[in-house]
Amino acid sequence: YYKQIVGCIEKFGPYVVFEHNVAMPHSTENAAGVHKT
């Protein structure tokens, strides 16, 4: 699953990183390989 997240960051840049040294890595909703929220 993490490979989808890496792919999104590689494609769109480090949009997952916020202020105060916090990141919220994620893929798309209902991404392949996700079984539980």
PDB file of all heavy atoms in Angstrom:
ATOM      1  N   TYR A   1       0.834  -1.216   0.000  1.00  0.00           N
ATOM      2  CA  TYR A   1       0.000   0.000   0.000  1.00  0.00           C
ATOM      3  C   TYR A   1       0.865   1.261   0.000  1.00  0.00           C
ATOM      4  O   TYR A   1       0.568   2.231  -0.696  1.00  0.00           O
ATOM      5  CB  TYR A   1      -0.950   0.000   1.203  1.00  0.00           C
ATOM      6  CG  TYR A   1      -1.659   1.320   1.419  1.00  0.00           C
ATOM      7  CD1 TYR A   1      -2.577   1.800   0.483  1.00  0.00           C
ATOM      8  CD2 TYR A   1      -1.405   2.097   2.539  1.00  0.00           C
ATOM      9  CE1 TYR A   1      -3.217   3.017   0.661  1.00  0.00           C
ATOM     10  CE2 TYR A   1      -2.043   3.316   2.729  1.00  0.00           C
ATOM     11  CZ  TYR A   1      -2.950   3.771   1.785  1.00  0.00           C
ATOM     12  OH  TYR A   1      -3.570   4.979   1.973  1.00  0.00           O
ATOM     13  N   TYR A   2       1.944   1.230   0.767  1.00  0.00           N
ATOM     14  CA  TYR A   2       2.799   2.414   0.869  1.00  0.00           C
ATOM     15  C   TYR A   2       3.321   2.857  -0.496  1.00  0.00           C
ATOM     16  O   TYR A   2       3.592   4.050  -0.718  1.00  0.00           O
ATOM     17  CB  TYR A   2       3.962   2.167   1.844  1.00  0.00           C
ATOM     18  CG  TYR A   2       5.134   1.465   1.225  1.00  0.00           C
ATOM     19  CD1 TYR A   2       6.203   2.183   0.710  1.00  0.00           C
ATOM     20  CD2 TYR A   2       5.176   0.074   1.128  1.00  0.00           C
ATOM     21  CE1 TYR A   2       7.284   1.539   0.132  1.00  0.00           C
ATOM     22  CE2 TYR A   2       6.237  -0.575   0.549  1.00  0.00           C
ATOM     23  CZ  TYR A   2       7.289   0.155   0.048  1.00  0.00           C
ATOM     24  OH  TYR A   2       8.350  -0.484  -0.535  1.00  0.00           O
ATOM     25  N   LYS A   3       3.461   1.923  -1.447  1.00  0.00           N
ATOM     26  CA  LYS A   3       3.975   2.277  -2.772  1.00  0.00           C
ATOM     27  C   LYS A   3       3.037   3.234  -3.500  1.00  0.00           C
ATOM     28  O   LYS A   3       3.491   4.084  -4.269  1.00  0.00           O
ATOM     29  CB  LYS A   3       4.201   1.013  -3.609  1.00  0.00           C
ATOM     30  CG  LYS A   3       5.338   0.161  -3.085  1.00  0.00           C
ATOM     31  CD  LYS A   3       5.494  -1.107  -3.904  1.00  0.00           C
ATOM     32  CE  LYS A   3       6.590  -2.000  -3.330  1.00  0.00           C
ATOM     33  NZ  LYS A   3       6.683  -3.277  -4.050  1.00  0.00           N
ATOM     34  N   GLN A   4       1.724   3.106  -3.252  1.00  0.00           N
ATOM     35  CA  GLN A   4       0.769   4.049  -3.848  1.00  0.00           C
ATOM     36  C   GLN A   4       0.988   5.450  -3.292  1.00  0.00           C
ATOM     37  O   GLN A   4       0.917   6.437  -4.028  1.00  0.00           O
ATOM     38  CB  GLN A   4      -0.658   3.612  -3.560  1.00  0.00           C
ATOM     39  CG  GLN A   4      -1.059   2.333  -4.271  1.00  0.00           C
ATOM     40  CD  GLN A   4      -2.487   1.962  -3.941  1.00  0.00           C
ATOM     41  OE1 GLN A   4      -3.398   2.736  -4.197  1.00  0.00           O
ATOM     42  NE2 GLN A   4      -2.680   0.801  -3.360  1.00  0.00           N
ATOM     43  N   ILE A   5       1.254   5.522  -1.991  1.00  0.00           N
ATOM     44  CA  ILE A   5       1.500   6.814  -1.352  1.00  0.00           C
ATOM     45  C   ILE A   5       2.782   7.438  -1.917  1.00  0.00           C
ATOM     46  O   ILE A   5       2.804   8.611  -2.291  1.00  0.00           O
ATOM     47  CB  ILE A   5       1.614   6.657   0.181  1.00  0.00           C
ATOM     48  CG1 ILE A   5       0.311   6.111   0.760  1.00  0.00           C
ATOM     49  CG2 ILE A   5       1.983   7.999   0.829  1.00  0.00           C
ATOM     50  CD1 ILE A   5       0.391   5.721   2.218  1.00  0.00           C
ATOM     51  N   VAL A   6       3.836   6.638  -1.996  1.00  0.00           N
ATOM     52  CA  VAL A   6       5.102   7.115  -2.549  1.00  0.00           C
ATOM     53  C   VAL A   6       4.878   7.631  -3.971  1.00  0.00           C
ATOM     54  O   VAL A   6       5.369   8.701  -4.341  1.00  0.00           O
ATOM     55  CB  VAL A   6       6.180   6.004  -2.507  1.00  0.00           C
ATOM     56  CG1 VAL A   6       7.393   6.375  -3.351  1.00  0.00           C
ATOM     57  CG2 VAL A   6       6.599   5.725  -1.062  1.00  0.00           C
ATOM     58  N   GLY A   7       4.115   6.887  -4.767  1.00  0.00           N
ATOM     59  CA  GLY A   7       3.822   7.298  -6.139  1.00  0.00           C
ATOM     60  C   GLY A   7       3.113   8.647  -6.205  1.00  0.00           C
ATOM     61  O   GLY A   7       3.430   9.492  -7.045  1.00  0.00           O
ATOM     62  N   CYS A   8       2.153   8.868  -5.306  1.00  0.00           N
ATOM     63  CA  CYS A   8       1.435  10.148  -5.262  1.00  0.00           C
ATOM     64  C   CYS A   8       2.378  11.292  -4.909  1.00  0.00           C
ATOM     65  O   CYS A   8       2.319  12.367  -5.519  1.00  0.00           O
ATOM     66  CB  CYS A   8       0.293  10.089  -4.246  1.00  0.00           C
ATOM     67  SG  CYS A   8      -1.120   9.102  -4.758  1.00  0.00           S
ATOM     68  N   ILE A   9       3.264  11.069  -3.948  1.00  0.00           N
ATOM     69  CA  ILE A   9       4.200  12.121  -3.533  1.00  0.00           C
ATOM     70  C   ILE A   9       5.199  12.398  -4.653  1.00  0.00           C
ATOM     71  O   ILE A   9       5.533  13.551  -4.934  1.00  0.00           O
ATOM     72  CB  ILE A   9       4.913  11.749  -2.220  1.00  0.00           C
ATOM     73  CG1 ILE A   9       3.883  11.656  -1.076  1.00  0.00           C
ATOM     74  CG2 ILE A   9       5.999  12.776  -1.879  1.00  0.00           C
ATOM     75  CD1 ILE A   9       4.422  11.055   0.210  1.00  0.00           C
ATOM     76  N   GLU A  10       5.653  11.339  -5.326  1.00  0.00           N
ATOM     77  CA  GLU A  10       6.575  11.533  -6.453  1.00  0.00           C
ATOM     78  C   GLU A  10       5.900  12.320  -7.568  1.00  0.00           C
ATOM     79  O   GLU A  10       6.526  13.165  -8.213  1.00  0.00           O
ATOM     80  CB  GLU A  10       7.082  10.184  -6.965  1.00  0.00           C
ATOM     81  CG  GLU A  10       8.093   9.549  -6.020  1.00  0.00           C
ATOM     82  CD  GLU A  10       8.497   8.138  -6.415  1.00  0.00           C
ATOM     83  OE1 GLU A  10       7.764   7.484  -7.198  1.00  0.00           O
ATOM     84  OE2 GLU A  10       9.544   7.675  -5.920  1.00  0.00           O
ATOM     85  N   LYS A  11       4.616  12.076  -7.789  1.00  0.00           N
ATOM     86  CA  LYS A  11       3.880  12.741  -8.868  1.00  0.00           C
ATOM     87  C   LYS A  11       3.517  14.183  -8.517  1.00  0.00           C
ATOM     88  O   LYS A  11       3.656  15.078  -9.347  1.00  0.00           O
ATOM     89  CB  LYS A  11       2.613  11.951  -9.186  1.00  0.00           C
ATOM     90  CG  LYS A  11       1.806  12.516 -10.324  1.00  0.00           C
ATOM     91  CD  LYS A  11       0.635  11.610 -10.669  1.00  0.00           C
ATOM     92  CE  LYS A  11      -0.164  12.169 -11.831  1.00  0.00           C
ATOM     93  NZ  LYS A  11      -1.290  11.288 -12.180  1.00  0.00           N
ATOM     94  N   PHE A  12       3.047  14.411  -7.277  1.00  0.00           N
ATOM     95  CA  PHE A  12       2.497  15.717  -6.912  1.00  0.00           C
ATOM     96  C   PHE A  12       3.388  16.547  -5.990  1.00  0.00           C
ATOM     97  O   PHE A  12       3.043  17.665  -5.644  1.00  0.00           O
ATOM     98  CB  PHE A  12       1.122  15.538  -6.256  1.00  0.00           C
ATOM     99  CG  PHE A  12       0.129  14.861  -7.137  1.00  0.00           C
ATOM    100  CD1 PHE A  12      -0.321  13.581  -6.844  1.00  0.00           C
ATOM    101  CD2 PHE A  12      -0.358  15.488  -8.283  1.00  0.00           C
ATOM    102  CE1 PHE A  12      -1.247  12.945  -7.667  1.00  0.00           C
ATOM    103  CE2 PHE A  12      -1.280  14.862  -9.107  1.00  0.00           C
ATOM    104  CZ  PHE A  12      -1.719  13.584  -8.800  1.00  0.00           C
ATOM    105  N   GLY A  13       4.517  15.985  -5.567  1.00  0.00           N
ATOM    106  CA  GLY A  13       5.408  16.708  -4.660  1.00  0.00           C
ATOM    107  C   GLY A  13       5.046  16.454  -3.204  1.00  0.00           C
ATOM    108  O   GLY A  13       4.119  15.693  -2.905  1.00  0.00           O
ATOM    109  N   PRO A  14       5.748  17.105  -2.290  1.00  0.00           N
ATOM    110  CA  PRO A  14       5.584  16.828  -0.857  1.00  0.00           C
ATOM    111  C   PRO A  14       4.360  17.523  -0.239  1.00  0.00           C
ATOM    112  O   PRO A  14       4.446  18.173   0.796  1.00  0.00           O
ATOM    113  CB  PRO A  14       6.897  17.334  -0.258  1.00  0.00           C
ATOM    114  CG  PRO A  14       7.319  18.430  -1.167  1.00  0.00           C
ATOM    115  CD  PRO A  14       6.869  18.013  -2.548  1.00  0.00           C
ATOM    116  N   TYR A  15       3.206  17.378  -0.895  1.00  0.00           N
ATOM    117  CA  TYR A  15       1.957  17.994  -0.426  1.00  0.00           C
ATOM    118  C   TYR A  15       1.493  17.434   0.918  1.00  0.00           C
ATOM    119  O   TYR A  15       0.617  18.016   1.566  1.00  0.00           O
ATOM    120  CB  TYR A  15       0.844  17.799  -1.462  1.00  0.00           C
ATOM    121  CG  TYR A  15       0.423  16.355  -1.621  1.00  0.00           C
ATOM    122  CD1 TYR A  15      -0.686  15.857  -0.950  1.00  0.00           C
ATOM    123  CD2 TYR A  15       1.157  15.479  -2.423  1.00  0.00           C
ATOM    124  CE1 TYR A  15      -1.057  14.523  -1.076  1.00  0.00           C
ATOM    125  CE2 TYR A  15       0.800  14.165  -2.553  1.00  0.00           C
ATOM    126  CZ  TYR A  15      -0.308  13.692  -1.881  1.00  0.00           C
ATOM    127  OH  TYR A  15      -0.668  12.370  -1.996  1.00  0.00           O
ATOM    128  N   VAL A  16       2.059  16.322   1.334  1.00  0.00           N
ATOM    129  CA  VAL A  16       1.640  15.669   2.580  1.00  0.00           C
ATOM    130  C   VAL A  16       2.314  16.272   3.816  1.00  0.00           C
ATOM    131  O   VAL A  16       1.965  15.919   4.936  1.00  0.00           O
ATOM    132  CB  VAL A  16       1.913  14.148   2.541  1.00  0.00           C
ATOM    133  CG1 VAL A  16       1.154  13.494   1.396  1.00  0.00           C
ATOM    134  CG2 VAL A  16       3.402  13.846   2.445  1.00  0.00           C
ATOM    135  N   VAL A  17       3.276  17.172   3.617  1.00  0.00           N
ATOM    136  CA  VAL A  17       4.020  17.749   4.746  1.00  0.00           C
ATOM    137  C   VAL A  17       3.430  19.110   5.095  1.00  0.00           C
ATOM    138  O   VAL A  17       3.248  19.969   4.227  1.00  0.00           O
ATOM    139  CB  VAL A  17       5.522  17.886   4.417  1.00  0.00           C
ATOM    140  CG1 VAL A  17       6.280  18.456   5.609  1.00  0.00           C
ATOM    141  CG2 VAL A  17       6.106  16.542   4.004  1.00  0.00           C
ATOM    142  N   PHE A  18       3.140  19.287   6.383  1.00  0.00           N
ATOM    143  CA  PHE A  18       2.527  20.503   6.879  1.00  0.00           C
ATOM    144  C   PHE A  18       3.495  21.258   7.790  1.00  0.00           C
ATOM    145  O   PHE A  18       4.622  20.825   8.016  1.00  0.00           O
ATOM    146  CB  PHE A  18       1.236  20.174   7.644  1.00  0.00           C
ATOM    147  CG  PHE A  18       0.243  19.411   6.820  1.00  0.00           C
ATOM    148  CD1 PHE A  18      -0.017  18.074   7.085  1.00  0.00           C
ATOM    149  CD2 PHE A  18      -0.426  20.012   5.771  1.00  0.00           C
ATOM    150  CE1 PHE A  18      -0.930  17.370   6.332  1.00  0.00           C
ATOM    151  CE2 PHE A  18      -1.338  19.312   5.004  1.00  0.00           C
ATOM    152  CZ  PHE A  18      -1.594  17.981   5.284  1.00  0.00           C
ATOM    153  N   GLU A  19       3.006  22.342   8.350  1.00  0.00           N
ATOM    154  CA  GLU A  19       3.784  23.108   9.323  1.00  0.00           C
ATOM    155  C   GLU A  19       4.143  22.229  10.511  1.00  0.00           C
ATOM    156  O   GLU A  19       3.520  21.204  10.763  1.00  0.00           O
ATOM    157  CB  GLU A  19       2.963  24.314   9.812  1.00  0.00           C
ATOM    158  CG  GLU A  19       2.617  25.315   8.734  1.00  0.00           C
ATOM    159  CD  GLU A  19       3.832  26.016   8.160  1.00  0.00           C
ATOM    160  OE1 GLU A  19       4.721  26.419   8.936  1.00  0.00           O
ATOM    161  OE2 GLU A  19       3.894  26.149   6.926  1.00  0.00           O
ATOM    162  N   HIS A  20       5.108  22.679  11.269  1.00  0.00           N
ATOM    163  CA  HIS A  20       5.509  22.058  12.529  1.00  0.00           C
ATOM    164  C   HIS A  20       6.019  20.621  12.344  1.00  0.00           C
ATOM    165  O   HIS A  20       5.815  19.767  13.203  1.00  0.00           O
ATOM    166  CB  HIS A  20       4.359  22.118  13.548  1.00  0.00           C
ATOM    167  CG  HIS A  20       4.851  22.282  14.957  1.00  0.00           C
ATOM    168  ND1 HIS A  20       5.286  23.489  15.437  1.00  0.00           N
ATOM    169  CD2 HIS A  20       4.994  21.398  15.966  1.00  0.00           C
ATOM    170  CE1 HIS A  20       5.669  23.332  16.693  1.00  0.00           C
ATOM    171  NE2 HIS A  20       5.516  22.080  17.040  1.00  0.00           N
ATOM    172  N   ASN A  21       6.635  20.337  11.196  1.00  0.00           N
ATOM    173  CA  ASN A  21       7.284  19.040  10.946  1.00  0.00           C
ATOM    174  C   ASN A  21       6.346  17.841  11.063  1.00  0.00           C
ATOM    175  O   ASN A  21       6.694  16.807  11.630  1.00  0.00           O
ATOM    176  CB  ASN A  21       8.493  18.870  11.875  1.00  0.00           C
ATOM    177  CG  ASN A  21       9.505  19.973  11.686  1.00  0.00           C
ATOM    178  OD1 ASN A  21       9.797  20.361  10.561  1.00  0.00           O
ATOM    179  ND2 ASN A  21      10.026  20.509  12.768  1.00  0.00           N
ATOM    180  N   VAL A  22       5.150  18.019  10.519  1.00  0.00           N
ATOM    181  CA  VAL A  22       4.139  16.965  10.527  1.00  0.00           C
ATOM    182  C   VAL A  22       3.821  16.586   9.083  1.00  0.00           C
ATOM    183  O   VAL A  22       3.682  17.454   8.221  1.00  0.00           O
ATOM    184  CB  VAL A  22       2.845  17.453  11.215  1.00  0.00           C
ATOM    185  CG1 VAL A  22       1.752  16.408  11.113  1.00  0.00           C
ATOM    186  CG2 VAL A  22       3.115  17.809  12.664  1.00  0.00           C
ATOM    187  N   ALA A  23       3.699  15.278   8.841  1.00  0.00           N
ATOM    188  CA  ALA A  23       3.297  14.796   7.521  1.00  0.00           C
ATOM    189  C   ALA A  23       2.088  13.875   7.672  1.00  0.00           C
ATOM    190  O   ALA A  23       1.947  13.182   8.678  1.00  0.00           O
ATOM    191  CB  ALA A  23       4.436  14.053   6.844  1.00  0.00           C
ATOM    192  N   MET A  24       1.239  13.898   6.663  1.00  0.00           N
ATOM    193  CA  MET A  24       0.066  13.030   6.631  1.00  0.00           C
ATOM    194  C   MET A  24       0.053  12.265   5.299  1.00  0.00           C
ATOM    195  O   MET A  24      -0.719  12.570   4.394  1.00  0.00           O
ATOM    196  CB  MET A  24      -1.215  13.862   6.798  1.00  0.00           C
ATOM    197  CG  MET A  24      -2.450  13.021   7.007  1.00  0.00           C
ATOM    198  SD  MET A  24      -3.921  14.010   7.396  1.00  0.00           S
ATOM    199  CE  MET A  24      -4.160  14.913   5.876  1.00  0.00           C
ATOM    200  N   PRO A  25       0.948  11.271   5.179  1.00  0.00           N
ATOM    201  CA  PRO A  25       0.983  10.488   3.938  1.00  0.00           C
ATOM    202  C   PRO A  25      -0.338   9.748   3.728  1.00  0.00           C
ATOM    203  O   PRO A  25      -0.902   9.188   4.667  1.00  0.00           O
ATOM    204  CB  PRO A  25       2.129   9.496   4.177  1.00  0.00           C
ATOM    205  CG  PRO A  25       2.946  10.103   5.271  1.00  0.00           C
ATOM    206  CD  PRO A  25       1.980  10.864   6.118  1.00  0.00           C
ATOM    207  N   HIS A  26      -0.806   9.783   2.495  1.00  0.00           N
ATOM    208  CA  HIS A  26      -2.047   9.082   2.170  1.00  0.00           C
ATOM    209  C   HIS A  26      -2.129   8.886   0.662  1.00  0.00           C
ATOM    210  O   HIS A  26      -1.437   9.551  -0.096  1.00  0.00           O
ATOM    211  CB  HIS A  26      -3.263   9.870   2.661  1.00  0.00           C
ATOM    212  CG  HIS A  26      -3.354  11.250   2.087  1.00  0.00           C
ATOM    213  ND1 HIS A  26      -2.597  12.300   2.572  1.00  0.00           N
ATOM    214  CD2 HIS A  26      -4.075  11.751   1.066  1.00  0.00           C
ATOM    215  CE1 HIS A  26      -2.870  13.385   1.877  1.00  0.00           C
ATOM    216  NE2 HIS A  26      -3.751  13.076   0.952  1.00  0.00           N
ATOM    217  N   SER A  27      -2.989   7.967   0.286  1.00  0.00           N
ATOM    218  CA  SER A  27      -3.274   7.736  -1.124  1.00  0.00           C
ATOM    219  C   SER A  27      -4.704   8.220  -1.353  1.00  0.00           C
ATOM    220  O   SER A  27      -5.228   8.997  -0.564  1.00  0.00           O
ATOM    221  CB  SER A  27      -3.110   6.249  -1.445  1.00  0.00           C
ATOM    222  OG  SER A  27      -3.286   6.024  -2.812  1.00  0.00           O
ATOM    223  N   THR A  28      -5.347   7.721  -2.369  1.00  0.00           N
ATOM    224  CA  THR A  28      -6.720   8.120  -2.646  1.00  0.00           C
ATOM    225  C   THR A  28      -7.690   7.300  -1.802  1.00  0.00           C
ATOM    226  O   THR A  28      -7.362   6.207  -1.341  1.00  0.00           O
ATOM    227  CB  THR A  28      -7.044   7.910  -4.132  1.00  0.00           C
ATOM    228  OG1 THR A  28      -6.780   6.537  -4.458  1.00  0.00           O
ATOM    229  CG2 THR A  28      -6.210   8.812  -5.012  1.00  0.00           C
ATOM    230  N   GLU A  29      -8.885   7.846  -1.616  1.00  0.00           N
ATOM    231  CA  GLU A  29      -9.913   7.114  -0.891  1.00  0.00           C
ATOM    232  C   GLU A  29     -10.238   5.831  -1.656  1.00  0.00           C
ATOM    233  O   GLU A  29     -10.230   5.814  -2.891  1.00  0.00           O
ATOM    234  CB  GLU A  29     -11.169   7.978  -0.752  1.00  0.00           C
ATOM    235  CG  GLU A  29     -12.168   7.401   0.217  1.00  0.00           C
ATOM    236  CD  GLU A  29     -13.315   8.358   0.502  1.00  0.00           C
ATOM    237  OE1 GLU A  29     -13.142   9.571   0.317  1.00  0.00           O
ATOM    238  OE2 GLU A  29     -14.374   7.863   0.887  1.00  0.00           O
ATOM    239  N   ASN A  30     -10.514   4.773  -0.920  1.00  0.00           N
ATOM    240  CA  ASN A  30     -10.795   3.460  -1.499  1.00  0.00           C
ATOM    241  C   ASN A  30      -9.645   2.955  -2.375  1.00  0.00           C
ATOM    242  O   ASN A  30      -9.860   2.314  -3.403  1.00  0.00           O
ATOM    243  CB  ASN A  30     -12.112   3.466  -2.298  1.00  0.00           C
ATOM    244  CG  ASN A  30     -13.302   3.696  -1.401  1.00  0.00           C
ATOM    245  OD1 ASN A  30     -13.397   3.109  -0.326  1.00  0.00           O
ATOM    246  ND2 ASN A  30     -14.210   4.552  -1.822  1.00  0.00           N
ATOM    247  N   ALA A  31      -8.433   3.265  -1.959  1.00  0.00           N
ATOM    248  CA  ALA A  31      -7.258   2.824  -2.703  1.00  0.00           C
ATOM    249  C   ALA A  31      -7.155   1.304  -2.658  1.00  0.00           C
ATOM    250  O   ALA A  31      -7.596   0.664  -1.703  1.00  0.00           O
ATOM    251  CB  ALA A  31      -5.995   3.448  -2.114  1.00  0.00           C
ATOM    252  N   ALA A  32      -6.564   0.735  -3.691  1.00  0.00           N
ATOM    253  CA  ALA A  32      -6.346  -0.705  -3.719  1.00  0.00           C
ATOM    254  C   ALA A  32      -5.462  -1.098  -2.550  1.00  0.00           C
ATOM    255  O   ALA A  32      -4.524  -0.393  -2.202  1.00  0.00           O
ATOM    256  CB  ALA A  32      -5.680  -1.097  -5.038  1.00  0.00           C
ATOM    257  N   GLY A  33      -5.797  -2.203  -1.931  1.00  0.00           N
ATOM    258  CA  GLY A  33      -4.980  -2.704  -0.838  1.00  0.00           C
ATOM    259  C   GLY A  33      -5.378  -2.204   0.533  1.00  0.00           C
ATOM    260  O   GLY A  33      -4.742  -2.541   1.523  1.00  0.00           O
ATOM    261  N   VAL A  34      -6.433  -1.376   0.621  1.00  0.00           N
ATOM    262  CA  VAL A  34      -6.913  -0.906   1.914  1.00  0.00           C
ATOM    263  C   VAL A  34      -8.121  -1.745   2.320  1.00  0.00           C
ATOM    264  O   VAL A  34      -9.095  -1.848   1.582  1.00  0.00           O
ATOM    265  CB  VAL A  34      -7.307   0.589   1.872  1.00  0.00           C
ATOM    266  CG1 VAL A  34      -7.895   1.032   3.210  1.00  0.00           C
ATOM    267  CG2 VAL A  34      -6.110   1.442   1.512  1.00  0.00           C
ATOM    268  N   HIS A  35      -8.043  -2.349   3.502  1.00  0.00           N
ATOM    269  CA  HIS A  35      -9.114  -3.223   3.983  1.00  0.00           C
ATOM    270  C   HIS A  35      -9.873  -2.641   5.164  1.00  0.00           C
ATOM    271  O   HIS A  35     -11.010  -3.010   5.421  1.00  0.00           O
ATOM    272  CB  HIS A  35      -8.543  -4.593   4.353  1.00  0.00           C
ATOM    273  CG  HIS A  35      -7.730  -5.179   3.242  1.00  0.00           C
ATOM    274  ND1 HIS A  35      -8.282  -5.622   2.055  1.00  0.00           N
ATOM    275  CD2 HIS A  35      -6.397  -5.343   3.110  1.00  0.00           C
ATOM    276  CE1 HIS A  35      -7.324  -6.061   1.255  1.00  0.00           C
ATOM    277  NE2 HIS A  35      -6.164  -5.896   1.867  1.00  0.00           N
ATOM    278  N   LYS A  36      -9.212  -1.738   5.922  1.00  0.00           N
ATOM    279  CA  LYS A  36      -9.835  -1.083   7.074  1.00  0.00           C
ATOM    280  C   LYS A  36      -9.360   0.364   7.122  1.00  0.00           C
ATOM    281  O   LYS A  36      -8.205   0.640   6.805  1.00  0.00           O
ATOM    282  CB  LYS A  36      -9.421  -1.764   8.391  1.00  0.00           C
ATOM    283  CG  LYS A  36      -9.809  -3.206   8.536  1.00  0.00           C
ATOM    284  CD  LYS A  36      -9.293  -3.725   9.884  1.00  0.00           C
ATOM    285  CE  LYS A  36      -9.047  -5.209   9.841  1.00  0.00           C
ATOM    286  NZ  LYS A  36      -8.255  -5.679  10.979  1.00  0.00           N
ATOM    287  N   THR A  37     -10.238   1.246   7.552  1.00  0.00           N
ATOM    288  CA  THR A  37      -9.850   2.633   7.752  1.00  0.00           C
ATOM    289  C   THR A  37      -8.988   2.724   9.007  1.00  0.00           C
ATOM    290  O   THR A  37      -9.315   2.116  10.026  1.00  0.00           O
ATOM    291  CB  THR A  37     -11.101   3.527   7.898  1.00  0.00           C
ATOM    292  OG1 THR A  37     -11.842   3.453   6.670  1.00  0.00           O
ATOM    293  CG2 THR A  37     -10.735   4.972   8.174  1.00  0.00           C
TER     294      THR A  37
END
